[in-house]
């Protein structure tokens, strides 16, 4: 996997973690909440899931009350920094 993709996966994992924590879930509790294997979920959140499937991402996003596009935008904002208006 190229560095750009690895970096994006890491930013995506951080965006997921930030949202999960804002909802008051532990990593383990959220994995249980969405019915995902805890180990698999942890790998995704740590940005190590290089074979992340869109359906898994959709499942996580819905559990967080978001759409996949929202998570991608959050990961992109982290790359560019906050938008100035």
PDB file of N, CA and C in Angstrom:
ATOM      1  N   UNK A   1       0.858  -1.182   0.000  1.00  0.00           N
ATOM      2  CA  UNK A   1       0.000   0.000   0.000  1.00  0.00           C
ATOM      3  C   UNK A   1       0.891   1.228   0.000  1.00  0.00           C
ATOM      4  N   UNK A   2       0.505   2.224  -0.783  1.00  0.00           N
ATOM      5  CA  UNK A   2       1.340   3.419  -0.843  1.00  0.00           C
ATOM      6  C   UNK A   2       1.157   4.281   0.401  1.00  0.00           C
ATOM      7  N   UNK A   3       2.095   5.169   0.626  1.00  0.00           N
ATOM      8  CA  UNK A   3       2.102   5.999   1.826  1.00  0.00           C
ATOM      9  C   UNK A   3       0.871   6.881   1.914  1.00  0.00           C
ATOM     10  N   UNK A   4       0.420   7.437   0.804  1.00  0.00           N
ATOM     11  CA  UNK A   4      -0.766   8.287   0.818  1.00  0.00           C
ATOM     12  C   UNK A   4      -1.994   7.535   1.289  1.00  0.00           C
ATOM     13  N   UNK A   5      -2.162   6.316   0.798  1.00  0.00           N
ATOM     14  CA  UNK A   5      -3.306   5.506   1.214  1.00  0.00           C
ATOM     15  C   UNK A   5      -3.183   5.120   2.681  1.00  0.00           C
ATOM     16  N   UNK A   6      -1.990   4.757   3.123  1.00  0.00           N
ATOM     17  CA  UNK A   6      -1.772   4.411   4.529  1.00  0.00           C
ATOM     18  C   UNK A   6      -2.096   5.588   5.433  1.00  0.00           C
ATOM     19  N   UNK A   7      -1.670   6.763   5.005  1.00  0.00           N
ATOM     20  CA  UNK A   7      -1.934   7.964   5.794  1.00  0.00           C
ATOM     21  C   UNK A   7      -3.423   8.239   5.858  1.00  0.00           C
ATOM     22  N   UNK A   8      -4.120   8.053   4.743  1.00  0.00           N
ATOM     23  CA  UNK A   8      -5.566   8.267   4.740  1.00  0.00           C
ATOM     24  C   UNK A   8      -6.267   7.281   5.674  1.00  0.00           C
ATOM     25  N   UNK A   9      -5.863   6.016   5.635  1.00  0.00           N
ATOM     26  CA  UNK A   9      -6.466   5.000   6.512  1.00  0.00           C
ATOM     27  C   UNK A   9      -6.238   5.379   7.969  1.00  0.00           C
ATOM     28  N   UNK A  10      -5.065   5.899   8.296  1.00  0.00           N
ATOM     29  CA  UNK A  10      -4.772   6.328   9.665  1.00  0.00           C
ATOM     30  C   UNK A  10      -5.656   7.518  10.059  1.00  0.00           C
ATOM     31  N   UNK A  11      -5.813   8.496   9.159  1.00  0.00           N
ATOM     32  CA  UNK A  11      -6.673   9.652   9.456  1.00  0.00           C
ATOM     33  C   UNK A  11      -8.124   9.227   9.609  1.00  0.00           C
ATOM     34  N   UNK A  12      -8.547   8.286   8.791  1.00  0.00           N
ATOM     35  CA  UNK A  12      -9.911   7.779   8.879  1.00  0.00           C
ATOM     36  C   UNK A  12     -10.130   7.104  10.230  1.00  0.00           C
ATOM     37  N   UNK A  13      -9.167   6.318  10.662  1.00  0.00           N
ATOM     38  CA  UNK A  13      -9.248   5.670  11.977  1.00  0.00           C
ATOM     39  C   UNK A  13      -9.340   6.692  13.100  1.00  0.00           C
ATOM     40  N   UNK A  14      -8.565   7.776  12.999  1.00  0.00           N
ATOM     41  CA  UNK A  14      -8.618   8.828  14.025  1.00  0.00           C
ATOM     42  C   UNK A  14      -9.975   9.529  14.013  1.00  0.00           C
ATOM     43  N   UNK A  15     -10.548   9.739  12.839  1.00  0.00           N
ATOM     44  CA  UNK A  15     -11.871  10.373  12.746  1.00  0.00           C
ATOM     45  C   UNK A  15     -12.933   9.481  13.385  1.00  0.00           C
ATOM     46  N   UNK A  16     -12.823   8.183  13.158  1.00  0.00           N
ATOM     47  CA  UNK A  16     -13.761   7.235  13.768  1.00  0.00           C
ATOM     48  C   UNK A  16     -13.616   7.268  15.287  1.00  0.00           C
ATOM     49  N   UNK A  17     -12.374   7.222  15.777  1.00  0.00           N
ATOM     50  CA  UNK A  17     -12.123   7.230  17.221  1.00  0.00           C
ATOM     51  C   UNK A  17     -12.666   8.504  17.876  1.00  0.00           C
ATOM     52  N   UNK A  18     -12.421   9.639  17.236  1.00  0.00           N
ATOM     53  CA  UNK A  18     -12.887  10.916  17.781  1.00  0.00           C
ATOM     54  C   UNK A  18     -14.401  10.923  17.921  1.00  0.00           C
ATOM     55  N   UNK A  19     -15.098  10.478  16.888  1.00  0.00           N
ATOM     56  CA  UNK A  19     -16.566  10.450  16.929  1.00  0.00           C
ATOM     57  C   UNK A  19     -17.069   9.456  17.974  1.00  0.00           C
ATOM     58  N   UNK A  20     -16.453   8.264  18.028  1.00  0.00           N
ATOM     59  CA  UNK A  20     -16.863   7.247  19.009  1.00  0.00           C
ATOM     60  C   UNK A  20     -16.740   7.789  20.424  1.00  0.00           C
ATOM     61  N   UNK A  21     -15.608   8.422  20.708  1.00  0.00           N
ATOM     62  CA  UNK A  21     -15.397   8.975  22.046  1.00  0.00           C
ATOM     63  C   UNK A  21     -16.395  10.084  22.353  1.00  0.00           C
ATOM     64  N   UNK A  22     -16.722  10.904  21.353  1.00  0.00           N
ATOM     65  CA  UNK A  22     -17.683  11.989  21.577  1.00  0.00           C
ATOM     66  C   UNK A  22     -19.066  11.452  21.908  1.00  0.00           C
ATOM     67  N   UNK A  23     -19.332  10.220  21.474  1.00  0.00           N
ATOM     68  CA  UNK A  23     -20.619   9.578  21.782  1.00  0.00           C
ATOM     69  C   UNK A  23     -20.577   8.828  23.114  1.00  0.00           C
ATOM     70  N   UNK A  24     -19.414   8.784  23.740  1.00  0.00           N
ATOM     71  CA  UNK A  24     -19.286   8.170  25.058  1.00  0.00           C
ATOM     72  C   UNK A  24     -19.066   6.667  25.045  1.00  0.00           C
ATOM     73  N   UNK A  25     -18.701   6.108  23.911  1.00  0.00           N
ATOM     74  CA  UNK A  25     -18.460   4.673  23.818  1.00  0.00           C
ATOM     75  C   UNK A  25     -16.994   4.352  24.069  1.00  0.00           C
ATOM     76  N   UNK A  26     -16.753   3.226  24.719  1.00  0.00           N
ATOM     77  CA  UNK A  26     -15.411   2.666  24.733  1.00  0.00           C
ATOM     78  C   UNK A  26     -15.234   1.947  23.400  1.00  0.00           C
ATOM     79  N   UNK A  27     -14.019   1.625  23.063  1.00  0.00           N
ATOM     80  CA  UNK A  27     -13.770   0.886  21.827  1.00  0.00           C
ATOM     81  C   UNK A  27     -14.517  -0.450  21.857  1.00  0.00           C
ATOM     82  N   UNK A  28     -14.394  -1.132  22.961  1.00  0.00           N
ATOM     83  CA  UNK A  28     -15.055  -2.428  23.120  1.00  0.00           C
ATOM     84  C   UNK A  28     -16.573  -2.293  23.090  1.00  0.00           C
ATOM     85  N   UNK A  29     -17.073  -1.303  23.784  1.00  0.00           N
ATOM     86  CA  UNK A  29     -18.516  -1.076  23.835  1.00  0.00           C
ATOM     87  C   UNK A  29     -19.099  -0.735  22.475  1.00  0.00           C
ATOM     88  N   UNK A  30     -18.370   0.060  21.690  1.00  0.00           N
ATOM     89  CA  UNK A  30     -18.864   0.417  20.365  1.00  0.00           C
ATOM     90  C   UNK A  30     -18.849  -0.786  19.435  1.00  0.00           C
ATOM     91  N   UNK A  31     -17.797  -1.575  19.496  1.00  0.00           N
ATOM     92  CA  UNK A  31     -17.737  -2.787  18.670  1.00  0.00           C
ATOM     93  C   UNK A  31     -18.931  -3.685  18.985  1.00  0.00           C
ATOM     94  N   UNK A  32     -19.234  -3.833  20.258  1.00  0.00           N
ATOM     95  CA  UNK A  32     -20.409  -4.620  20.647  1.00  0.00           C
ATOM     96  C   UNK A  32     -21.691  -3.977  20.123  1.00  0.00           C
ATOM     97  N   UNK A  33     -21.779  -2.662  20.221  1.00  0.00           N
ATOM     98  CA  UNK A  33     -22.957  -1.904  19.779  1.00  0.00           C
ATOM     99  C   UNK A  33     -23.268  -2.144  18.301  1.00  0.00           C
ATOM    100  N   UNK A  34     -22.237  -2.209  17.483  1.00  0.00           N
ATOM    101  CA  UNK A  34     -22.466  -2.397  16.046  1.00  0.00           C
ATOM    102  C   UNK A  34     -22.350  -3.861  15.620  1.00  0.00           C
ATOM    103  N   UNK A  35     -22.061  -4.739  16.570  1.00  0.00           N
ATOM    104  CA  UNK A  35     -21.980  -6.168  16.261  1.00  0.00           C
ATOM    105  C   UNK A  35     -20.755  -6.563  15.459  1.00  0.00           C
ATOM    106  N   UNK A  36     -19.663  -5.857  15.695  1.00  0.00           N
ATOM    107  CA  UNK A  36     -18.427  -6.153  14.972  1.00  0.00           C
ATOM    108  C   UNK A  36     -17.432  -6.802  15.925  1.00  0.00           C
ATOM    109  N   UNK A  37     -16.635  -7.681  15.387  1.00  0.00           N
ATOM    110  CA  UNK A  37     -15.577  -8.300  16.167  1.00  0.00           C
ATOM    111  C   UNK A  37     -14.701  -7.200  16.763  1.00  0.00           C
ATOM    112  N   UNK A  38     -14.433  -7.274  18.055  1.00  0.00           N
ATOM    113  CA  UNK A  38     -13.694  -6.210  18.746  1.00  0.00           C
ATOM    114  C   UNK A  38     -12.283  -6.026  18.206  1.00  0.00           C
ATOM    115  N   UNK A  39     -11.628  -7.141  17.906  1.00  0.00           N
ATOM    116  CA  UNK A  39     -10.270  -7.058  17.374  1.00  0.00           C
ATOM    117  C   UNK A  39     -10.270  -6.376  16.019  1.00  0.00           C
ATOM    118  N   UNK A  40     -11.185  -6.755  15.158  1.00  0.00           N
ATOM    119  CA  UNK A  40     -11.282  -6.149  13.818  1.00  0.00           C
ATOM    120  C   UNK A  40     -11.565  -4.656  13.927  1.00  0.00           C
ATOM    121  N   UNK A  41     -12.514  -4.294  14.811  1.00  0.00           N
ATOM    122  CA  UNK A  41     -12.835  -2.887  14.977  1.00  0.00           C
ATOM    123  C   UNK A  41     -11.605  -2.103  15.453  1.00  0.00           C
ATOM    124  N   UNK A  42     -10.879  -2.645  16.406  1.00  0.00           N
ATOM    125  CA  UNK A  42      -9.687  -1.971  16.920  1.00  0.00           C
ATOM    126  C   UNK A  42      -8.647  -1.737  15.846  1.00  0.00           C
ATOM    127  N   UNK A  43      -8.485  -2.710  14.960  1.00  0.00           N
ATOM    128  CA  UNK A  43      -7.537  -2.570  13.848  1.00  0.00           C
ATOM    129  C   UNK A  43      -7.962  -1.421  12.939  1.00  0.00           C
ATOM    130  N   UNK A  44      -9.250  -1.329  12.680  1.00  0.00           N
ATOM    131  CA  UNK A  44      -9.767  -0.251  11.830  1.00  0.00           C
ATOM    132  C   UNK A  44      -9.519   1.099  12.495  1.00  0.00           C
ATOM    133  N   UNK A  45      -9.855   1.197  13.770  1.00  0.00           N
ATOM    134  CA  UNK A  45      -9.711   2.477  14.467  1.00  0.00           C
ATOM    135  C   UNK A  45      -8.255   2.913  14.589  1.00  0.00           C
ATOM    136  N   UNK A  46      -7.349   1.962  14.679  1.00  0.00           N
ATOM    137  CA  UNK A  46      -5.932   2.300  14.772  1.00  0.00           C
ATOM    138  C   UNK A  46      -5.314   2.589  13.398  1.00  0.00           C
ATOM    139  N   UNK A  47      -6.132   2.517  12.346  1.00  0.00           N
ATOM    140  CA  UNK A  47      -5.637   2.839  11.011  1.00  0.00           C
ATOM    141  C   UNK A  47      -4.763   1.764  10.405  1.00  0.00           C
ATOM    142  N   UNK A  48      -4.953   0.533  10.841  1.00  0.00           N
ATOM    143  CA  UNK A  48      -4.142  -0.579  10.351  1.00  0.00           C
ATOM    144  C   UNK A  48      -4.913  -1.483   9.398  1.00  0.00           C
ATOM    145  N   UNK A  49      -6.158  -1.149   9.102  1.00  0.00           N
ATOM    146  CA  UNK A  49      -7.022  -1.992   8.266  1.00  0.00           C
ATOM    147  C   UNK A  49      -6.881  -1.580   6.804  1.00  0.00           C
ATOM    148  N   UNK A  50      -5.836  -2.049   6.171  1.00  0.00           N
ATOM    149  CA  UNK A  50      -5.577  -1.646   4.800  1.00  0.00           C
ATOM    150  C   UNK A  50      -6.515  -2.309   3.807  1.00  0.00           C
ATOM    151  N   UNK A  51      -7.205  -3.363   4.215  1.00  0.00           N
ATOM    152  CA  UNK A  51      -8.181  -4.015   3.354  1.00  0.00           C
ATOM    153  C   UNK A  51      -9.595  -3.672   3.777  1.00  0.00           C
ATOM    154  N   UNK A  52      -9.783  -2.474   4.320  1.00  0.00           N
ATOM    155  CA  UNK A  52     -11.089  -2.055   4.819  1.00  0.00           C
ATOM    156  C   UNK A  52     -12.118  -2.049   3.695  1.00  0.00           C
ATOM    157  N   UNK A  53     -13.196  -2.757   3.907  1.00  0.00           N
ATOM    158  CA  UNK A  53     -14.255  -2.830   2.905  1.00  0.00           C
ATOM    159  C   UNK A  53     -15.261  -1.718   3.140  1.00  0.00           C
ATOM    160  N   UNK A  54     -15.813  -1.234   2.062  1.00  0.00           N
ATOM    161  CA  UNK A  54     -16.762  -0.127   2.143  1.00  0.00           C
ATOM    162  C   UNK A  54     -17.981  -0.511   2.976  1.00  0.00           C
ATOM    163  N   UNK A  55     -18.403  -1.767   2.931  1.00  0.00           N
ATOM    164  CA  UNK A  55     -19.565  -2.181   3.722  1.00  0.00           C
ATOM    165  C   UNK A  55     -19.259  -2.130   5.226  1.00  0.00           C
ATOM    166  N   UNK A  56     -18.040  -2.478   5.602  1.00  0.00           N
ATOM    167  CA  UNK A  56     -17.648  -2.371   7.006  1.00  0.00           C
ATOM    168  C   UNK A  56     -17.618  -0.908   7.428  1.00  0.00           C
ATOM    169  N   UNK A  57     -17.090  -0.063   6.553  1.00  0.00           N
ATOM    170  CA  UNK A  57     -17.040   1.369   6.841  1.00  0.00           C
ATOM    171  C   UNK A  57     -18.455   1.938   6.957  1.00  0.00           C
ATOM    172  N   UNK A  58     -19.353   1.495   6.091  1.00  0.00           N
ATOM    173  CA  UNK A  58     -20.745   1.936   6.157  1.00  0.00           C
ATOM    174  C   UNK A  58     -21.381   1.500   7.472  1.00  0.00           C
ATOM    175  N   UNK A  59     -21.096   0.296   7.894  1.00  0.00           N
ATOM    176  CA  UNK A  59     -21.624  -0.232   9.164  1.00  0.00           C
ATOM    177  C   UNK A  59     -21.141   0.615  10.345  1.00  0.00           C
ATOM    178  N   UNK A  60     -19.872   0.948  10.349  1.00  0.00           N
ATOM    179  CA  UNK A  60     -19.306   1.791  11.413  1.00  0.00           C
ATOM    180  C   UNK A  60     -19.930   3.178  11.361  1.00  0.00           C
ATOM    181  N   UNK A  61     -19.994   3.768  10.181  1.00  0.00           N
ATOM    182  CA  UNK A  61     -20.556   5.116  10.038  1.00  0.00           C
ATOM    183  C   UNK A  61     -21.980   5.174  10.566  1.00  0.00           C
ATOM    184  N   UNK A  62     -22.794   4.211  10.211  1.00  0.00           N
ATOM    185  CA  UNK A  62     -24.186   4.191  10.683  1.00  0.00           C
ATOM    186  C   UNK A  62     -24.249   4.062  12.204  1.00  0.00           C
ATOM    187  N   UNK A  63     -23.356   3.256  12.774  1.00  0.00           N
ATOM    188  CA  UNK A  63     -23.297   3.131  14.230  1.00  0.00           C
ATOM    189  C   UNK A  63     -22.913   4.434  14.906  1.00  0.00           C
ATOM    190  N   UNK A  64     -22.161   5.265  14.188  1.00  0.00           N
ATOM    191  CA  UNK A  64     -21.752   6.571  14.704  1.00  0.00           C
ATOM    192  C   UNK A  64     -22.772   7.660  14.382  1.00  0.00           C
ATOM    193  N   UNK A  65     -23.836   7.273  13.670  1.00  0.00           N
ATOM    194  CA  UNK A  65     -24.858   8.251  13.291  1.00  0.00           C
ATOM    195  C   UNK A  65     -24.421   9.142  12.140  1.00  0.00           C
ATOM    196  N   UNK A  66     -23.535   8.619  11.295  1.00  0.00           N
ATOM    197  CA  UNK A  66     -22.989   9.380  10.170  1.00  0.00           C
ATOM    198  C   UNK A  66     -23.153   8.601   8.878  1.00  0.00           C
ATOM    199  N   UNK A  67     -22.868   9.258   7.788  1.00  0.00           N
ATOM    200  CA  UNK A  67     -22.745   8.607   6.490  1.00  0.00           C
ATOM    201  C   UNK A  67     -21.254   8.414   6.218  1.00  0.00           C
ATOM    202  N   UNK A  68     -20.928   7.490   5.347  1.00  0.00           N
ATOM    203  CA  UNK A  68     -19.529   7.250   4.987  1.00  0.00           C
ATOM    204  C   UNK A  68     -18.874   8.549   4.517  1.00  0.00           C
ATOM    205  N   UNK A  69     -19.590   9.320   3.732  1.00  0.00           N
ATOM    206  CA  UNK A  69     -19.048  10.578   3.217  1.00  0.00           C
ATOM    207  C   UNK A  69     -18.646  11.520   4.350  1.00  0.00           C
ATOM    208  N   UNK A  70     -19.402  11.512   5.447  1.00  0.00           N
ATOM    209  CA  UNK A  70     -19.060  12.352   6.597  1.00  0.00           C
ATOM    210  C   UNK A  70     -17.708  11.945   7.180  1.00  0.00           C
ATOM    211  N   UNK A  71     -17.483  10.645   7.313  1.00  0.00           N
ATOM    212  CA  UNK A  71     -16.200  10.172   7.849  1.00  0.00           C
ATOM    213  C   UNK A  71     -15.049  10.522   6.915  1.00  0.00           C
ATOM    214  N   UNK A  72     -15.274  10.366   5.626  1.00  0.00           N
ATOM    215  CA  UNK A  72     -14.224  10.703   4.660  1.00  0.00           C
ATOM    216  C   UNK A  72     -13.909  12.194   4.731  1.00  0.00           C
ATOM    217  N   UNK A  73     -14.946  13.021   4.822  1.00  0.00           N
ATOM    218  CA  UNK A  73     -14.718  14.474   4.942  1.00  0.00           C
ATOM    219  C   UNK A  73     -13.915  14.790   6.204  1.00  0.00           C
ATOM    220  N   UNK A  74     -14.254  14.136   7.308  1.00  0.00           N
ATOM    221  CA  UNK A  74     -13.517  14.385   8.560  1.00  0.00           C
ATOM    222  C   UNK A  74     -12.051  13.989   8.402  1.00  0.00           C
ATOM    223  N   UNK A  75     -11.784  12.887   7.717  1.00  0.00           N
ATOM    224  CA  UNK A  75     -10.399  12.460   7.486  1.00  0.00           C
ATOM    225  C   UNK A  75      -9.687  13.450   6.571  1.00  0.00           C
ATOM    226  N   UNK A  76     -10.373  13.974   5.574  1.00  0.00           N
ATOM    227  CA  UNK A  76      -9.777  14.941   4.659  1.00  0.00           C
ATOM    228  C   UNK A  76      -9.500  16.266   5.357  1.00  0.00           C
ATOM    229  N   UNK A  77     -10.402  16.708   6.211  1.00  0.00           N
ATOM    230  CA  UNK A  77     -10.190  17.958   6.952  1.00  0.00           C
ATOM    231  C   UNK A  77      -8.953  17.836   7.823  1.00  0.00           C
ATOM    232  N   UNK A  78      -8.733  16.682   8.434  1.00  0.00           N
ATOM    233  CA  UNK A  78      -7.533  16.471   9.246  1.00  0.00           C
ATOM    234  C   UNK A  78      -6.279  16.609   8.397  1.00  0.00           C
ATOM    235  N   UNK A  79      -6.351  16.208   7.132  1.00  0.00           N
ATOM    236  CA  UNK A  79      -5.185  16.306   6.252  1.00  0.00           C
ATOM    237  C   UNK A  79      -4.899  17.752   5.899  1.00  0.00           C
ATOM    238  N   UNK A  80      -5.943  18.485   5.552  1.00  0.00           N
ATOM    239  CA  UNK A  80      -5.775  19.869   5.115  1.00  0.00           C
ATOM    240  C   UNK A  80      -5.736  20.854   6.261  1.00  0.00           C
ATOM    241  N   UNK A  81      -6.242  20.453   7.411  1.00  0.00           N
ATOM    242  CA  UNK A  81      -6.394  21.382   8.510  1.00  0.00           C
ATOM    243  C   UNK A  81      -7.750  22.036   8.425  1.00  0.00           C
ATOM    244  N   UNK A  82      -8.135  22.763   9.442  1.00  0.00           N
ATOM    245  CA  UNK A  82      -9.445  23.406   9.443  1.00  0.00           C
ATOM    246  C   UNK A  82      -9.588  24.387   8.275  1.00  0.00           C
ATOM    247  N   UNK A  83     -10.763  24.427   7.721  1.00  0.00           N
ATOM    248  CA  UNK A  83     -11.047  25.359   6.632  1.00  0.00           C
ATOM    249  C   UNK A  83     -11.230  26.762   7.201  1.00  0.00           C
ATOM    250  N   UNK A  84     -10.630  27.738   6.569  1.00  0.00           N
ATOM    251  CA  UNK A  84     -10.798  29.127   6.988  1.00  0.00           C
ATOM    252  C   UNK A  84     -11.838  29.770   6.105  1.00  0.00           C
ATOM    253  N   UNK A  85     -12.665  30.605   6.685  1.00  0.00           N
ATOM    254  CA  UNK A  85     -13.693  31.297   5.903  1.00  0.00           C
ATOM    255  C   UNK A  85     -13.499  32.768   5.989  1.00  0.00           C
TER     256      UNK A  85
END
